Every structure is written in structure tokens, then in C-alpha cells.
C-alpha atoms as a PDB file:
ATOM      1  CA  UNK A   1     -12.604  -9.965  26.261  1.00  0.00           C
ATOM      2  CA  UNK A   2     -11.687  -6.744  28.007  1.00  0.00           C
ATOM      3  CA  UNK A   3      -8.373  -6.259  29.798  1.00  0.00           C
ATOM      4  CA  UNK A   4      -8.308  -5.208  33.464  1.00  0.00           C
ATOM      5  CA  UNK A   5      -6.178  -2.307  32.232  1.00  0.00           C
ATOM      6  CA  UNK A   6      -9.380  -0.739  30.878  1.00  0.00           C
ATOM      7  CA  UNK A   7     -10.535  -0.198  34.471  1.00  0.00           C
ATOM      8  CA  UNK A   8      -7.392   1.649  35.521  1.00  0.00           C
ATOM      9  CA  UNK A   9      -7.351   5.466  35.654  1.00  0.00           C
ATOM     10  CA  UNK A  10      -5.698   7.427  32.861  1.00  0.00           C
ATOM     11  CA  UNK A  11      -3.033   9.390  34.694  1.00  0.00           C
ATOM     12  CA  UNK A  12      -0.866  11.991  32.997  1.00  0.00           C
ATOM     13  CA  UNK A  13       2.873  11.616  33.217  1.00  0.00           C
ATOM     14  CA  UNK A  14       4.543  13.918  35.708  1.00  0.00           C
ATOM     15  CA  UNK A  15       7.474  16.162  34.834  1.00  0.00           C
ATOM     16  CA  UNK A  16      10.107  13.621  35.884  1.00  0.00           C
ATOM     17  CA  UNK A  17       8.539  10.644  34.096  1.00  0.00           C
ATOM     18  CA  UNK A  18      10.580   8.719  31.556  1.00  0.00           C
ATOM     19  CA  UNK A  19       9.198   6.642  28.683  1.00  0.00           C
ATOM     20  CA  UNK A  20       8.653   2.981  29.483  1.00  0.00           C
ATOM     21  CA  UNK A  21      11.452   0.635  28.487  1.00  0.00           C
ATOM     22  CA  UNK A  22      10.715  -2.452  26.410  1.00  0.00           C
ATOM     23  CA  UNK A  23      10.824  -4.616  29.547  1.00  0.00           C
ATOM     24  CA  UNK A  24       8.379  -2.278  31.286  1.00  0.00           C
ATOM     25  CA  UNK A  25       5.876  -2.062  28.439  1.00  0.00           C
ATOM     26  CA  UNK A  26       5.994  -5.775  27.507  1.00  0.00           C
ATOM     27  CA  UNK A  27       3.681  -6.732  30.369  1.00  0.00           C
ATOM     28  CA  UNK A  28       1.157  -4.045  29.418  1.00  0.00           C
ATOM     29  CA  UNK A  29       1.285  -5.075  25.770  1.00  0.00           C
ATOM     30  CA  UNK A  30       0.502  -8.676  26.722  1.00  0.00           C
ATOM     31  CA  UNK A  31      -2.746  -7.458  28.298  1.00  0.00           C
ATOM     32  CA  UNK A  32      -3.987  -5.780  25.112  1.00  0.00           C
ATOM     33  CA  UNK A  33      -5.809  -7.272  22.175  1.00  0.00           C
ATOM     34  CA  UNK A  34      -3.784  -8.664  19.299  1.00  0.00           C
ATOM     35  CA  UNK A  35      -4.447  -5.544  17.201  1.00  0.00           C
ATOM     36  CA  UNK A  36      -1.823  -3.571  19.152  1.00  0.00           C
ATOM     37  CA  UNK A  37       1.920  -3.410  18.569  1.00  0.00           C
ATOM     38  CA  UNK A  38       4.704  -1.185  19.816  1.00  0.00           C
ATOM     39  CA  UNK A  39       6.564   0.574  17.008  1.00  0.00           C
ATOM     40  CA  UNK A  40      10.173   1.758  17.398  1.00  0.00           C
ATOM     41  CA  UNK A  41       9.906   1.543  21.216  1.00  0.00           C
ATOM     42  CA  UNK A  42       8.011   4.829  20.880  1.00  0.00           C
ATOM     43  CA  UNK A  43       4.312   4.407  20.184  1.00  0.00           C
ATOM     44  CA  UNK A  44       1.408   1.998  20.027  1.00  0.00           C
ATOM     45  CA  UNK A  45      -0.398   1.208  16.779  1.00  0.00           C
ATOM     46  CA  UNK A  46      -3.566  -0.754  16.072  1.00  0.00           C
ATOM     47  CA  UNK A  47      -5.935  -1.250  13.174  1.00  0.00           C
ATOM     48  CA  UNK A  48      -9.599  -2.077  13.733  1.00  0.00           C
ATOM     49  CA  UNK A  49     -11.677  -3.512  10.897  1.00  0.00           C
ATOM     50  CA  UNK A  50     -15.356  -2.836  10.145  1.00  0.00           C
ATOM     51  CA  UNK A  51     -17.938  -3.897   7.572  1.00  0.00           C
ATOM     52  CA  UNK A  52     -18.369  -0.418   6.147  1.00  0.00           C
ATOM     53  CA  UNK A  53     -17.469   3.257   6.404  1.00  0.00           C
ATOM     54  CA  UNK A  54     -20.395   4.145   8.694  1.00  0.00           C
ATOM     55  CA  UNK A  55     -19.325   1.658  11.379  1.00  0.00           C
ATOM     56  CA  UNK A  56     -15.701   2.800  11.141  1.00  0.00           C
ATOM     57  CA  UNK A  57     -16.821   6.422  11.484  1.00  0.00           C
ATOM     58  CA  UNK A  58     -19.012   5.620  14.489  1.00  0.00           C
ATOM     59  CA  UNK A  59     -16.049   3.918  16.195  1.00  0.00           C
ATOM     60  CA  UNK A  60     -13.821   6.887  15.371  1.00  0.00           C
ATOM     61  CA  UNK A  61     -16.345   9.159  17.082  1.00  0.00           C
ATOM     62  CA  UNK A  62     -16.406   6.882  20.147  1.00  0.00           C
ATOM     63  CA  UNK A  63     -12.615   7.075  20.356  1.00  0.00           C
ATOM     64  CA  UNK A  64     -12.848  10.854  20.056  1.00  0.00           C
ATOM     65  CA  UNK A  65     -15.327  11.064  22.926  1.00  0.00           C
ATOM     66  CA  UNK A  66     -13.121   8.845  25.092  1.00  0.00           C
ATOM     67  CA  UNK A  67     -10.048  10.926  24.244  1.00  0.00           C
ATOM     68  CA  UNK A  68     -11.790  14.157  25.208  1.00  0.00           C
ATOM     69  CA  UNK A  69     -13.126  12.632  28.422  1.00  0.00           C
ATOM     70  CA  UNK A  70      -9.668  11.441  29.481  1.00  0.00           C
ATOM     71  CA  UNK A  71      -7.726  14.280  27.820  1.00  0.00           C
ATOM     72  CA  UNK A  72      -5.428  11.753  26.155  1.00  0.00           C
ATOM     73  CA  UNK A  73      -5.616  12.053  22.372  1.00  0.00           C
ATOM     74  CA  UNK A  74      -4.443   9.466  19.834  1.00  0.00           C
ATOM     75  CA  UNK A  75      -3.808  10.016  16.140  1.00  0.00           C
ATOM     76  CA  UNK A  76      -6.739   8.433  14.302  1.00  0.00           C
ATOM     77  CA  UNK A  77      -6.783   7.377  10.642  1.00  0.00           C
ATOM     78  CA  UNK A  78     -10.224   6.664   9.183  1.00  0.00           C
ATOM     79  CA  UNK A  79     -10.814   4.877   5.897  1.00  0.00           C
ATOM     80  CA  UNK A  80     -13.513   2.654   4.451  1.00  0.00           C
ATOM     81  CA  UNK A  81     -13.953  -0.265   6.847  1.00  0.00           C
ATOM     82  CA  UNK A  82     -10.852   0.519   8.874  1.00  0.00           C
ATOM     83  CA  UNK A  83      -9.697   2.712  11.759  1.00  0.00           C
ATOM     84  CA  UNK A  84      -5.997   3.029  12.513  1.00  0.00           C
ATOM     85  CA  UNK A  85      -4.810   4.404  15.845  1.00  0.00           C
ATOM     86  CA  UNK A  86      -1.384   5.642  16.957  1.00  0.00           C
ATOM     87  CA  UNK A  87      -0.745   6.663  20.527  1.00  0.00           C
ATOM     88  CA  UNK A  88       2.082   7.828  22.774  1.00  0.00           C
ATOM     89  CA  UNK A  89       2.569  10.299  25.586  1.00  0.00           C
ATOM     90  CA  UNK A  90       4.046  13.505  24.248  1.00  0.00           C
ATOM     91  CA  UNK A  91       5.086  14.608  27.765  1.00  0.00           C
ATOM     92  CA  UNK A  92       7.596  11.750  27.990  1.00  0.00           C
ATOM     93  CA  UNK A  93       8.373  11.413  24.296  1.00  0.00           C
ATOM     94  CA  UNK A  94       7.283   7.792  24.234  1.00  0.00           C
ATOM     95  CA  UNK A  95       5.120   5.253  25.992  1.00  0.00           C
ATOM     96  CA  UNK A  96       3.525   5.670  29.395  1.00  0.00           C
ATOM     97  CA  UNK A  97       1.133   3.401  31.290  1.00  0.00           C
ATOM     98  CA  UNK A  98      -1.753   5.709  30.327  1.00  0.00           C
ATOM     99  CA  UNK A  99      -1.254   4.812  26.640  1.00  0.00           C
ATOM    100  CA  UNK A 100      -1.911   1.164  27.428  1.00  0.00           C
ATOM    101  CA  UNK A 101      -4.935   2.016  29.559  1.00  0.00           C
ATOM    102  CA  UNK A 102      -6.391   4.012  26.665  1.00  0.00           C
ATOM    103  CA  UNK A 103      -5.622   1.162  24.247  1.00  0.00           C
ATOM    104  CA  UNK A 104      -7.463  -1.274  26.529  1.00  0.00           C
ATOM    105  CA  UNK A 105     -10.433   1.081  26.632  1.00  0.00           C
ATOM    106  CA  UNK A 106     -10.464   1.287  22.831  1.00  0.00           C
ATOM    107  CA  UNK A 107     -10.420  -2.515  22.687  1.00  0.00           C
ATOM    108  CA  UNK A 108     -13.399  -2.509  25.045  1.00  0.00           C
ATOM    109  CA  UNK A 109     -15.247  -0.084  22.773  1.00  0.00           C
ATOM    110  CA  UNK A 110     -14.458  -2.247  19.758  1.00  0.00           C
ATOM    111  CA  UNK A 111     -15.554  -5.447  21.512  1.00  0.00           C
ATOM    112  CA  UNK A 112     -18.860  -3.743  22.255  1.00  0.00           C
ATOM    113  CA  UNK A 113     -19.419  -2.429  18.707  1.00  0.00           C
ATOM    114  CA  UNK A 114     -22.602  -3.531  17.063  1.00  0.00           C
ATOM    115  CA  UNK A 115     -24.328  -4.346  20.365  1.00  0.00           C
END
């Protein structure tokens, strides 16, 4: 099931923006799929599993297209049957609402894989 966050715009942090605090990001995290966790109050991480390398690669390419479209780029780790993602907003040195929106959109892509 897709989070309503996936329908929100991906907005860049402005110059005065601060990273989200744990209280601020907790609500966003609750809206994401169970694959996501916040690490060191700094970035989001998730691992998506696939039946083979080809499906993992196809998903990696979908994430890449989304990242280019929104100009918000995660770190992606591809291996056989698995795609790991790390994401944070470099402008604020931590988490921003846009990171959670992108995570929700990746969940939506994953939920639609194989259709």
C-alpha cells in the first residue's frame, strides 16, 4: 500500500532549513514501508529484495529515473536480488521532508514491481 507522502512534491531545503529532529521525522517514518529506518538521526536506509539480479537492476534503474526527475539522488547499492538505498539531504546535513517523500515514492515503485 502506498503512503500519501508519495503524492507530495519533492521540495529542496532552503538555505535556513535545519535537519529534522527525531520527533519531527518520527511521523514521516511511520508513513513509510517497514523496509525504512533512520540511522544515526542522519539518514534513511532501506533494503528491497528481488528474485534475481535482473529485477534488482530494473528497480535500480527506476530509482535512478525518479532521482533525476526530482533532482534528489540517493546512494544505491545493487547486488544479486537486493537493492539497498541510503538517503539524506546534503543541504541540511541530515533528514528533510523531501527524503521521506522520495522514500514513499520508492516504496510505490517497489509495490508496483512485476506488474
